[in-house]
Protein backbone atom coordinates (compact mmCIF):
# COMPACT_ATOMS: atom_id res chain seq x y z
CA UNK A 1 0.00 0.00 0.00
CA UNK A 2 1.46 3.31 -1.04
CA UNK A 3 1.01 6.53 0.85
CA UNK A 4 -1.90 8.75 0.05
CA UNK A 5 -1.02 11.46 -2.45
CA UNK A 6 -1.21 14.89 -0.80
CA UNK A 7 -2.49 16.67 -3.91
CA UNK A 8 -5.91 16.92 -5.52
CA UNK A 9 -4.28 16.66 -8.93
CA UNK A 10 -4.54 12.85 -9.29
CA UNK A 11 -8.26 12.97 -8.53
CA UNK A 12 -8.78 15.87 -10.96
CA UNK A 13 -6.95 14.04 -13.75
CA UNK A 14 -8.97 10.88 -13.17
CA UNK A 15 -12.30 12.75 -13.10
CA UNK A 16 -11.34 14.38 -16.41
CA UNK A 17 -11.02 10.89 -17.88
CA UNK A 18 -14.37 9.90 -16.42
CA UNK A 19 -15.93 13.05 -17.90
CA UNK A 20 -14.84 12.39 -21.47
CA UNK A 21 -15.88 8.73 -21.25
CA UNK A 22 -19.38 9.74 -20.07
CA UNK A 23 -19.58 12.65 -22.50
CA UNK A 24 -19.04 10.34 -25.46
CA UNK A 25 -22.12 8.28 -24.63
CA UNK A 26 -24.35 11.11 -25.85
CA UNK A 27 -22.01 13.35 -27.89
CA UNK A 28 -23.31 11.74 -31.08
CA UNK A 29 -27.00 11.96 -30.02
CA UNK A 30 -27.83 15.14 -31.93
CA UNK A 31 -25.51 14.37 -34.88
CA UNK A 32 -26.53 10.83 -35.89
CA UNK A 33 -28.09 11.97 -39.17
CA UNK A 34 -24.93 13.86 -40.16
CA UNK A 35 -22.73 10.87 -39.30
CA UNK A 36 -25.03 8.53 -41.21
CA UNK A 37 -25.01 10.83 -44.23
CA UNK A 38 -21.23 11.13 -44.17
CA UNK A 39 -20.84 7.34 -44.05
CA UNK A 40 -23.69 6.58 -46.49
CA UNK A 41 -25.46 4.56 -43.81
CA UNK A 42 -29.00 3.23 -43.97
CA UNK A 43 -31.47 4.71 -41.49
CA UNK A 44 -31.68 1.52 -39.40
CA UNK A 45 -27.86 1.41 -39.09
CA UNK A 46 -27.34 4.91 -37.74
CA UNK A 47 -28.48 4.22 -34.17
CA UNK A 48 -25.74 1.59 -33.85
CA UNK A 49 -23.20 4.43 -33.64
CA UNK A 50 -24.62 4.96 -30.14
CA UNK A 51 -25.76 1.41 -29.37
CA UNK A 52 -22.34 -0.17 -30.02
CA UNK A 53 -20.73 2.15 -27.48
CA UNK A 54 -23.38 1.41 -24.85
CA UNK A 55 -23.24 -2.37 -25.26
CA UNK A 56 -19.44 -2.44 -24.94
CA UNK A 57 -19.43 -0.07 -21.98
CA UNK A 58 -22.16 -1.88 -20.07
CA UNK A 59 -20.23 -5.17 -20.43
CA UNK A 60 -16.88 -3.74 -19.33
CA UNK A 61 -17.96 -1.61 -16.35
CA UNK A 62 -18.77 -4.54 -14.02
CA UNK A 63 -15.37 -6.10 -14.79
CA UNK A 64 -13.45 -3.00 -13.77
CA UNK A 65 -13.21 -4.00 -10.10
CA UNK A 66 -11.51 -7.29 -10.89
CA UNK A 67 -9.29 -5.65 -13.53
CA UNK A 68 -8.22 -3.05 -10.99
CA UNK A 69 -7.14 -5.78 -8.59
CA UNK A 70 -5.17 -7.50 -11.37
CA UNK A 71 -3.46 -4.52 -13.03
CA UNK A 72 -3.82 -1.82 -10.31
CA UNK A 73 -5.77 1.42 -10.54
CA UNK A 74 -2.77 3.21 -12.03
CA UNK A 75 -2.18 0.94 -15.00
CA UNK A 76 -5.80 0.03 -15.70
CA UNK A 77 -6.74 3.70 -15.88
CA UNK A 78 -3.72 4.44 -18.06
CA UNK A 79 -4.54 1.61 -20.46
CA UNK A 80 -8.20 2.65 -20.51
CA UNK A 81 -7.33 6.28 -21.32
CA UNK A 82 -4.84 5.24 -24.02
CA UNK A 83 -7.30 2.79 -25.60
CA UNK A 84 -10.11 5.34 -25.49
CA UNK A 85 -7.89 7.95 -27.18
CA UNK A 86 -6.72 5.60 -29.93
CA UNK A 87 -10.23 4.32 -30.66
CA UNK A 88 -11.52 7.93 -30.74
CA UNK A 89 -9.02 8.67 -33.50
CA UNK A 90 -10.19 5.56 -35.36
CA UNK A 91 -13.83 6.70 -35.06
CA UNK A 92 -12.91 10.01 -36.68
CA UNK A 93 -11.15 8.12 -39.49
CA UNK A 94 -14.00 5.63 -40.06
CA UNK A 95 -14.63 5.03 -43.78
CA UNK A 96 -18.04 3.34 -43.61
CA UNK A 97 -20.77 2.57 -41.09
CA UNK A 98 -19.41 -0.90 -40.34
CA UNK A 99 -15.97 0.42 -39.38
CA UNK A 100 -17.60 3.17 -37.29
CA UNK A 101 -19.66 0.63 -35.34
CA UNK A 102 -16.55 -1.47 -34.63
CA UNK A 103 -14.51 1.54 -33.53
CA UNK A 104 -17.33 2.89 -31.35
CA UNK A 105 -17.58 -0.51 -29.65
CA UNK A 106 -13.82 -0.38 -29.01
CA UNK A 107 -14.17 3.15 -27.67
CA UNK A 108 -16.83 2.07 -25.17
CA UNK A 109 -15.01 -1.13 -24.24
CA UNK A 110 -11.61 0.46 -23.67
CA UNK A 111 -12.81 3.67 -22.01
CA UNK A 112 -15.40 2.14 -19.68
CA UNK A 113 -13.01 1.37 -16.82
CA UNK A 114 -12.35 5.08 -16.24
CA UNK A 115 -15.87 5.51 -14.83
CA UNK A 116 -16.14 3.09 -11.86
CA UNK A 117 -12.42 3.46 -11.06
CA UNK A 118 -12.99 7.10 -10.16
CA UNK A 119 -15.82 6.14 -7.80
CA UNK A 120 -13.64 3.74 -5.79
CA UNK A 121 -10.56 5.98 -5.93
CA UNK A 122 -12.47 8.82 -4.30
CA UNK A 123 -12.70 6.69 -1.14
CA UNK A 124 -8.91 6.54 -1.15
CA UNK A 125 -8.20 10.20 -1.85
CA UNK A 126 -10.75 11.58 0.62
CA UNK A 127 -11.93 10.68 4.07
CA UNK A 128 -14.54 11.89 6.53
CA UNK A 129 -16.49 15.02 5.59
CA UNK A 130 -14.30 15.59 2.52
CA UNK A 131 -16.04 12.67 0.87
CA UNK A 132 -19.12 14.87 0.58
CA UNK A 133 -17.15 17.10 -1.79
CA UNK A 134 -15.77 14.23 -3.86
CA UNK A 135 -19.20 12.58 -4.07
CA UNK A 136 -20.68 15.91 -5.21
CA UNK A 137 -18.03 16.29 -7.91
CA UNK A 138 -18.49 12.71 -9.12
CA UNK A 139 -22.28 13.02 -8.99
CA UNK A 140 -22.19 16.24 -10.98
CA UNK A 141 -19.94 14.73 -13.64
CA UNK A 142 -22.08 11.58 -13.84
CA UNK A 143 -25.20 13.66 -14.42
CA UNK A 144 -23.91 16.63 -16.41
CA UNK A 145 -21.56 14.89 -18.87
CA UNK A 146 -24.34 12.97 -20.68
CA UNK A 147 -26.47 16.13 -20.60
CA UNK A 148 -23.77 18.23 -22.23
CA UNK A 149 -23.10 15.57 -24.87
CA UNK A 150 -25.81 16.62 -27.35
CA UNK A 151 -25.02 20.32 -26.75
CA UNK A 152 -21.30 20.02 -27.42
CA UNK A 153 -21.87 17.50 -30.19
CA UNK A 154 -24.41 19.70 -31.94
CA UNK A 155 -22.11 22.72 -31.83
CA UNK A 156 -19.10 20.75 -33.13
CA UNK A 157 -21.09 19.21 -35.98
CA UNK A 158 -22.58 22.54 -37.08
CA UNK A 159 -19.29 24.44 -36.69
CA UNK A 160 -16.79 21.88 -37.98
CA UNK A 161 -17.65 18.33 -39.12
CA UNK A 162 -18.86 15.21 -37.32
CA UNK A 163 -15.28 13.83 -37.37
CA UNK A 164 -14.37 16.34 -34.67
CA UNK A 165 -16.84 14.72 -32.28
CA UNK A 166 -14.05 12.18 -31.83
CA UNK A 167 -10.92 14.19 -32.57
CA UNK A 168 -11.59 16.47 -29.58
CA UNK A 169 -10.76 13.50 -27.34
CA UNK A 170 -7.21 13.17 -28.63
CA UNK A 171 -5.46 15.95 -26.68
CA UNK A 172 -7.16 15.43 -23.28
CA UNK A 173 -6.92 11.65 -23.72
CA UNK A 174 -3.18 11.83 -24.41
CA UNK A 175 -2.60 14.18 -21.45
CA UNK A 176 -4.51 11.88 -19.08
CA UNK A 177 -2.61 8.86 -20.41
CA UNK A 178 0.70 10.57 -19.60
CA UNK A 179 -0.26 12.05 -16.21
CA UNK A 180 -1.94 9.07 -14.54
CA UNK A 181 1.23 6.89 -14.34
CA UNK A 182 3.11 9.80 -12.82
CA UNK A 183 0.49 10.87 -10.28
CA UNK A 184 -1.66 7.92 -9.21
CA UNK A 185 -0.23 5.66 -6.51
CA UNK A 186 -3.11 3.78 -4.94
CA UNK A 187 -2.46 0.04 -5.12
CA UNK A 188 -0.20 -2.56 -6.67
CA UNK A 189 -1.00 -5.07 -9.45
CA UNK A 190 -1.60 -8.71 -8.57
CA UNK A 191 -1.19 -10.74 -11.75
CA UNK A 192 -1.63 -13.96 -9.80
CA UNK A 193 -5.38 -13.28 -9.86
CA UNK A 194 -5.37 -14.16 -13.55
CA UNK A 195 -4.78 -17.81 -12.66
CA UNK A 196 -7.88 -18.31 -10.52
CA UNK A 197 -10.20 -15.93 -12.36
CA UNK A 198 -13.80 -16.90 -13.06
CA UNK A 199 -13.55 -16.82 -16.84
CA UNK A 200 -16.82 -18.71 -17.23
CA UNK A 201 -18.54 -16.03 -15.16
CA UNK A 202 -16.96 -13.31 -17.31
CA UNK A 203 -18.22 -15.01 -20.48
CA UNK A 204 -21.74 -15.48 -19.11
CA UNK A 205 -21.90 -11.86 -17.99
CA UNK A 206 -20.62 -10.51 -21.31
CA UNK A 207 -23.08 -12.61 -23.33
CA UNK A 208 -25.98 -11.83 -20.97
CA UNK A 209 -25.46 -8.07 -20.80
CA UNK A 210 -24.58 -7.75 -24.48
CA UNK A 211 -27.69 -9.57 -25.68
CA UNK A 212 -29.83 -7.73 -23.10
CA UNK A 213 -28.62 -4.38 -24.40
CA UNK A 214 -29.25 -5.49 -27.98
CA UNK A 215 -32.77 -6.64 -27.09
CA UNK A 216 -33.57 -3.35 -25.37
CA UNK A 217 -32.12 -1.20 -28.13
CA UNK A 218 -33.61 -3.08 -31.09
CA UNK A 219 -36.86 -4.40 -29.59
CA UNK A 220 -39.06 -1.45 -30.50
CA UNK A 221 -37.75 -1.29 -34.05
CA UNK A 222 -38.55 -4.94 -34.72
CA UNK A 223 -41.83 -5.10 -32.75
CA UNK A 224 -40.31 -6.95 -29.84
CA UNK A 225 -41.08 -10.66 -29.51
CA UNK A 226 -42.82 -10.95 -32.87
CA UNK A 227 -39.29 -10.90 -34.31
CA UNK A 228 -37.31 -14.17 -34.17
CA UNK A 229 -33.96 -12.45 -33.53
CA UNK A 230 -35.31 -10.44 -30.60
CA UNK A 231 -36.87 -13.57 -29.09
CA UNK A 232 -33.56 -15.41 -29.44
CA UNK A 233 -31.44 -12.64 -27.89
CA UNK A 234 -33.96 -12.23 -25.04
CA UNK A 235 -33.76 -15.95 -24.22
CA UNK A 236 -29.96 -15.96 -24.45
CA UNK A 237 -29.79 -12.91 -22.19
CA UNK A 238 -32.18 -14.33 -19.58
CA UNK A 239 -30.48 -17.74 -19.40
CA UNK A 240 -26.96 -16.28 -19.42
CA UNK A 241 -27.67 -13.76 -16.66
CA UNK A 242 -29.40 -16.40 -14.52
CA UNK A 243 -26.42 -18.73 -14.86
CA UNK A 244 -24.09 -15.80 -14.17
CA UNK A 245 -25.97 -14.98 -10.96
CA UNK A 246 -25.79 -18.60 -9.79
CA UNK A 247 -22.11 -18.78 -10.70
CA UNK A 248 -21.26 -15.51 -8.93
CA UNK A 249 -23.07 -16.55 -5.75
CA UNK A 250 -21.40 -19.96 -5.60
CA UNK A 251 -17.89 -19.27 -6.95
CA UNK A 252 -15.24 -18.44 -4.35
CA UNK A 253 -13.75 -15.43 -6.17
CA UNK A 254 -16.38 -14.01 -8.56
CA UNK A 255 -15.57 -11.10 -10.87
CA UNK A 256 -18.67 -9.22 -9.68
CA UNK A 257 -19.66 -9.30 -6.02
CA UNK A 258 -23.40 -10.01 -6.17
CA UNK A 259 -23.26 -10.98 -2.49
CA UNK A 260 -22.88 -7.27 -1.74
CA UNK A 261 -26.59 -6.96 -2.61
CA UNK A 262 -27.20 -8.54 0.79
CA UNK A 263 -26.21 -5.15 2.21
CA UNK A 264 -29.47 -3.18 2.35
CA UNK A 265 -27.87 0.19 1.62
CA UNK A 266 -25.92 -1.15 -1.34
CA UNK A 267 -28.97 -2.95 -2.79
CA UNK A 268 -31.14 0.17 -2.46
CA UNK A 269 -28.26 2.30 -3.75
CA UNK A 270 -28.08 0.13 -6.88
CA UNK A 271 -31.84 0.40 -7.37
CA UNK A 272 -31.77 4.18 -6.93
CA UNK A 273 -28.77 4.39 -9.27
CA UNK A 274 -30.85 2.44 -11.80
CA UNK A 275 -33.73 4.91 -11.49
CA UNK A 276 -31.46 7.96 -11.79
CA UNK A 277 -29.99 6.33 -14.91
CA UNK A 278 -33.53 6.02 -16.28
CA UNK A 279 -34.12 9.71 -15.61
CA UNK A 280 -30.81 11.13 -16.80
CA UNK A 281 -30.32 9.12 -19.98
CA UNK A 282 -33.96 8.82 -21.03
CA UNK A 283 -34.71 12.53 -20.79
CA UNK A 284 -31.52 13.22 -22.78
CA UNK A 285 -32.91 10.81 -25.37
CA UNK A 286 -36.50 12.13 -25.35
CA UNK A 287 -35.91 15.88 -25.41
CA UNK A 288 -33.66 16.01 -28.52
CA UNK A 289 -35.95 13.46 -30.18
CA UNK A 290 -38.97 15.71 -29.58
CA UNK A 291 -37.14 18.81 -30.80
CA UNK A 292 -35.98 16.97 -33.92
CA UNK A 293 -39.15 15.10 -34.91
CA UNK A 294 -41.83 17.51 -33.72
CA UNK A 295 -40.11 20.90 -33.94
CA UNK A 296 -37.62 20.13 -36.73
CA UNK A 297 -34.68 21.64 -34.85
CA UNK A 298 -31.12 21.37 -36.12
CA UNK A 299 -28.37 19.79 -33.99
CA UNK A 300 -27.21 23.19 -32.73
CA UNK A 301 -30.74 24.43 -32.01
CA UNK A 302 -31.39 21.24 -30.04
CA UNK A 303 -28.16 21.69 -28.08
CA UNK A 304 -28.94 25.27 -27.10
CA UNK A 305 -32.53 24.37 -26.16
CA UNK A 306 -31.39 21.77 -23.62
CA UNK A 307 -28.37 23.72 -22.38
CA UNK A 308 -30.27 25.04 -19.37
CA UNK A 309 -30.19 21.55 -17.83
CA UNK A 310 -26.39 21.58 -17.67
CA UNK A 311 -26.25 25.09 -16.24
CA UNK A 312 -28.77 24.17 -13.54
CA UNK A 313 -26.71 21.07 -12.67
CA UNK A 314 -23.58 23.17 -12.17
CA UNK A 315 -25.46 25.60 -9.93
CA UNK A 316 -26.83 22.72 -7.87
CA UNK A 317 -23.38 21.36 -6.97
CA UNK A 318 -22.18 24.08 -4.54
CA UNK A 319 -25.67 24.23 -3.04
CA UNK A 320 -25.56 20.49 -2.38
CA UNK A 321 -22.08 20.71 -0.80
CA UNK A 322 -23.28 23.51 1.50
CA UNK A 323 -26.39 21.62 2.58
CA UNK A 324 -24.63 18.25 2.94
CA UNK A 325 -22.52 19.73 5.75
CA UNK A 326 -25.63 20.40 7.81
CA UNK A 327 -28.28 17.88 6.81
CA UNK A 328 -28.65 14.13 6.52
CA UNK A 329 -27.84 13.23 2.90
CA UNK A 330 -30.82 10.87 2.83
CA UNK A 331 -33.21 13.82 3.01
CA UNK A 332 -31.19 15.67 0.39
CA UNK A 333 -31.55 12.62 -1.82
CA UNK A 334 -35.31 12.59 -1.26
CA UNK A 335 -35.38 16.23 -2.32
CA UNK A 336 -33.41 15.46 -5.48
CA UNK A 337 -35.56 12.52 -6.51
CA UNK A 338 -38.79 14.37 -5.70
CA UNK A 339 -37.68 17.37 -7.78
CA UNK A 340 -36.86 15.06 -10.65
CA UNK A 341 -40.36 13.58 -10.39
CA UNK A 342 -41.81 17.12 -10.35
CA UNK A 343 -39.77 17.95 -13.46
CA UNK A 344 -41.16 14.93 -15.31
CA UNK A 345 -44.68 15.96 -14.27
CA UNK A 346 -44.10 19.45 -15.72
CA UNK A 347 -42.72 17.87 -18.91
CA UNK A 348 -46.01 15.97 -19.27
CA UNK A 349 -47.76 19.23 -20.22
CA UNK A 350 -45.61 19.48 -23.36
CA UNK A 351 -47.23 20.82 -26.54
CA UNK A 352 -46.08 20.85 -30.15
CA UNK A 353 -44.79 24.45 -29.93
CA UNK A 354 -42.47 23.97 -26.94
CA UNK A 355 -38.98 25.33 -27.45
CA UNK A 356 -36.13 26.59 -25.28
CA UNK A 357 -38.34 29.07 -23.38
CA UNK A 358 -41.04 26.53 -22.51
CA UNK A 359 -38.45 23.87 -21.61
CA UNK A 360 -36.57 26.18 -19.24
CA UNK A 361 -38.48 25.53 -15.99
CA UNK A 362 -38.86 21.75 -16.45
CA UNK A 363 -35.17 21.46 -17.33
CA UNK A 364 -34.06 23.56 -14.35
CA UNK A 365 -36.20 21.34 -12.10
CA UNK A 366 -34.45 18.34 -13.69
CA UNK A 367 -30.90 19.72 -13.75
CA UNK A 368 -30.58 21.46 -10.38
CA UNK A 369 -31.40 18.43 -8.19
CA UNK A 370 -29.38 15.88 -10.23
CA UNK A 371 -26.41 16.03 -7.88
CA UNK A 372 -28.83 15.64 -4.94
CA UNK A 373 -30.05 12.38 -6.52
CA UNK A 374 -26.67 10.96 -7.59
CA UNK A 375 -24.09 12.03 -4.98
CA UNK A 376 -25.82 10.59 -1.88
CA UNK A 377 -26.19 7.21 -3.58
CA UNK A 378 -22.38 7.07 -3.80
CA UNK A 379 -21.79 7.71 -0.11
CA UNK A 380 -24.83 5.81 1.15
CA UNK A 381 -24.52 2.84 -1.23
CA UNK A 382 -20.80 2.29 -1.80
CA UNK A 383 -19.82 3.90 1.51
CA UNK A 384 -21.75 1.24 3.42
CA UNK A 385 -19.49 -1.58 2.18
CA UNK A 386 -16.29 -2.84 3.81
CA UNK A 387 -13.18 -1.52 1.97
CA UNK A 388 -12.15 -4.96 0.72
CA UNK A 389 -15.48 -5.36 -1.18
CA UNK A 390 -15.57 -1.86 -2.61
CA UNK A 391 -13.80 -2.48 -5.92
CA UNK A 392 -15.79 -5.54 -6.90
CA UNK A 393 -19.10 -3.88 -6.00
CA UNK A 394 -18.38 -0.52 -7.64
CA UNK A 395 -18.64 -1.98 -11.14
CA UNK A 396 -22.08 -3.39 -10.37
CA UNK A 397 -23.18 -0.07 -8.87
CA UNK A 398 -22.09 1.91 -11.95
CA UNK A 399 -23.48 -0.66 -14.36
CA UNK A 400 -26.93 -0.21 -12.80
CA UNK A 401 -27.00 3.45 -13.79
CA UNK A 402 -26.14 2.65 -17.42
CA UNK A 403 -28.53 -0.30 -17.43
CA UNK A 404 -31.24 2.02 -16.14
CA UNK A 405 -30.56 4.30 -19.09
CA UNK A 406 -30.80 1.40 -21.54
CA UNK A 407 -34.06 0.13 -20.02
CA UNK A 408 -35.50 3.64 -19.80
CA UNK A 409 -34.70 4.46 -23.43
CA UNK A 410 -36.15 1.14 -24.62
CA UNK A 411 -39.30 1.56 -22.52
CA UNK A 412 -39.83 5.17 -23.60
CA UNK A 413 -39.31 4.25 -27.27
CA UNK A 414 -41.95 1.52 -26.88
CA UNK A 415 -44.32 3.97 -25.17
CA UNK A 416 -43.87 6.56 -27.91
CA UNK A 417 -44.39 3.96 -30.63
CA UNK A 418 -47.53 2.43 -29.10
CA UNK A 419 -49.07 5.61 -27.72
CA UNK A 420 -48.52 7.58 -30.90
CA UNK A 421 -50.63 5.03 -32.78
CA UNK A 422 -53.26 5.01 -30.03
CA UNK A 423 -53.50 8.82 -29.86
CA UNK A 424 -53.56 9.08 -33.64
CA UNK A 425 -56.52 6.70 -33.85
CA UNK A 426 -58.37 8.70 -31.20
CA UNK A 427 -57.68 11.99 -32.98
CA UNK A 428 -58.60 10.53 -36.38
CA UNK A 429 -61.91 9.30 -34.97
CA UNK A 430 -62.93 12.95 -34.48
CA UNK A 431 -61.80 14.11 -37.92
CA UNK A 432 -65.13 13.61 -39.67
CA UNK A 433 -67.24 15.92 -41.86
CA UNK A 434 -69.31 16.62 -38.73
CA UNK A 435 -66.26 18.35 -37.24
CA UNK A 436 -66.87 21.90 -38.47
CA UNK A 437 -63.42 23.35 -37.57
CA UNK A 438 -61.78 20.47 -39.42
CA UNK A 439 -64.08 20.94 -42.40
CA UNK A 440 -63.23 24.66 -42.58
CA UNK A 441 -59.51 23.80 -42.33
CA UNK A 442 -59.72 21.32 -45.21
CA UNK A 443 -61.70 23.74 -47.36
CA UNK A 444 -59.21 26.52 -46.68
CA UNK A 445 -56.23 24.30 -47.49
CA UNK A 446 -57.97 23.02 -50.62
CA UNK A 447 -58.45 26.57 -51.87
CA UNK A 448 -54.83 27.40 -51.08
CA UNK A 449 -53.49 24.36 -52.95
CA UNK A 450 -56.00 24.60 -55.82
CA UNK A 451 -53.46 26.58 -57.85
CA UNK A 452 -51.23 23.50 -58.01
CA UNK A 453 -51.13 21.46 -61.23
CA UNK A 454 -54.15 19.19 -61.13
CA UNK A 455 -56.52 21.76 -59.73
CA UNK A 456 -58.98 21.21 -56.86
CA UNK A 457 -58.53 17.42 -56.80
CA UNK A 458 -54.80 17.66 -56.11
CA UNK A 459 -55.48 20.57 -53.77
CA UNK A 460 -57.91 18.45 -51.75
CA UNK A 461 -55.36 15.63 -51.51
CA UNK A 462 -52.69 18.08 -50.37
CA UNK A 463 -55.08 19.45 -47.75
CA UNK A 464 -55.82 15.96 -46.41
CA UNK A 465 -52.10 15.19 -46.30
CA UNK A 466 -51.51 18.38 -44.32
CA UNK A 467 -54.30 17.38 -41.94
CA UNK A 468 -52.68 13.95 -41.49
CA UNK A 469 -49.34 15.55 -40.59
CA UNK A 470 -50.99 17.84 -38.04
CA UNK A 471 -52.84 14.92 -36.44
CA UNK A 472 -49.67 12.82 -36.31
CA UNK A 473 -47.73 15.71 -34.77
CA UNK A 474 -50.29 16.05 -31.99
CA UNK A 475 -50.38 12.28 -31.45
CA UNK A 476 -46.57 12.21 -31.18
CA UNK A 477 -46.58 15.07 -28.69
CA UNK A 478 -49.13 13.30 -26.49
CA UNK A 479 -47.01 10.14 -26.64
CA UNK A 480 -43.96 12.07 -25.42
CA UNK A 481 -46.06 13.34 -22.51
CA UNK A 482 -46.98 9.73 -21.66
CA UNK A 483 -43.30 8.75 -21.63
CA UNK A 484 -42.45 11.58 -19.24
CA UNK A 485 -45.28 10.49 -16.92
CA UNK A 486 -43.88 6.95 -16.82
CA UNK A 487 -40.49 8.31 -15.73
CA UNK A 488 -42.25 10.42 -13.11
CA UNK A 489 -43.82 7.30 -11.58
CA UNK A 490 -40.38 5.63 -11.33
CA UNK A 491 -39.04 8.63 -9.41
CA UNK A 492 -42.05 8.75 -7.10
CA UNK A 493 -41.35 5.13 -6.12
CA UNK A 494 -37.62 5.88 -5.72
CA UNK A 495 -38.37 8.85 -3.46
CA UNK A 496 -40.47 6.65 -1.19
CA UNK A 497 -37.62 4.11 -0.88
CA UNK A 498 -35.01 6.57 0.42
CA UNK A 499 -36.12 6.43 4.11
CA UNK A 500 -35.19 2.73 4.11
CA UNK A 501 -31.52 3.64 3.66
CA UNK A 502 -29.36 3.58 6.78
CA UNK A 503 -27.22 6.57 7.63
CA UNK A 504 -23.54 5.89 6.86
CA UNK A 505 -20.91 7.13 9.26
CA UNK A 506 -17.33 7.99 8.40
CA UNK A 507 -15.07 4.93 8.27
CA UNK A 508 -12.37 4.49 10.86
CA UNK A 509 -9.58 4.37 8.30
CA UNK A 510 -9.47 5.74 4.79
CA UNK A 511 -6.38 4.14 3.40
CA UNK A 512 -7.99 0.73 3.71
CA UNK A 513 -10.35 1.61 0.88
CA UNK A 514 -7.75 0.19 -1.40
């Protein structure tokens, strides 16, 4: 065990790595069409630019604890930063959609370890009340980096080209790769762990999580279990994860410590991390989607419209640190989750003409309390575990947040798909000749389009087409409102679970965290 580094610099460097790894989850969100156009990709291939990254990351994050024990925090983080930087360069150089998908998967796989490693390292660098500050910093980064992704990505794409979404990682990635070996001295590698590793468990987990992520991402597109491939991947995922759970609970040295779920705080912390993942990632998915499909915003317009969320998150951090000195963090967490639920409720009143001004209050209600929802789960969930179990459990804890995002996005996509059809049918049922406002609208549009070649007949068809588009726009907007209400319900339940968390006191020794 090496002595604790007296400077904040190692922690700052590591959090910078965590930031760029989280940022890249969503940096392509508002630029997928531009990337697809540049690579001549089919519409159903474009989403894989994001999906490939998520699948690889969600598989690697749980393994980070074991990899840290094998290679040490210092060298795992260095390798992760170097691999992330190299794969970012390859993404920028991609020549077709297939190469881009492969390189994005490598980017997620190689960069994933930077995220949970920062969580466990904070317990080494800080002790006692100072952990409130580190948890606030980590919580802010975990919530704000995905939020800023579409904003930064939209600006880069509109200002430069989509290639620079990846090239911007090169300089900070190289700096982090060089600084971490010089600054970080936390633990020593133990290569002997490679001999007794649970490779079967690793394989089961990788197959289970990978196929689960695929099922969630592609299910809506292929009408879920009516598609043979989705049924197959769902069965493979379910069986693999069940066998993985049995293996992890019975194997002497599992790669992921599922036994830690026997700790009430850790189990609830994982569940609450899952729900915050649903909220953070799904709203980042829904808001740009609404602005693109309903409002027709460009990437940059979308980025500026959702920018208020990031600003509110930054403002919330010092407020949280100030309050965490005086109040039980459990009640601060209840406040954060309740505010998030309130935000989703306010989003449910969305109409087709909402833009940056109308989104301001809901997004402030969502952004400001994010650190209140995320930071306490770090100290209350991970902080309740013995130091020797921390590394193995941290990967599971962080995976739950990303898994929550994957489940939330899949569920909201299914809600939008189903509810749009339902609302459209209900709206169409009222669009009859007996509906006088509709009849006047059609007559007015017919007269306007009558000058087109083909005369009144073509004009009437154009009017009906315009009416269809208006009805579909309203149906889509109502479906988005339904999706926001579903997220609200998840946060209401999460808020009610917080009182079941036990208060976590400061540990007797800090150095033992590693």
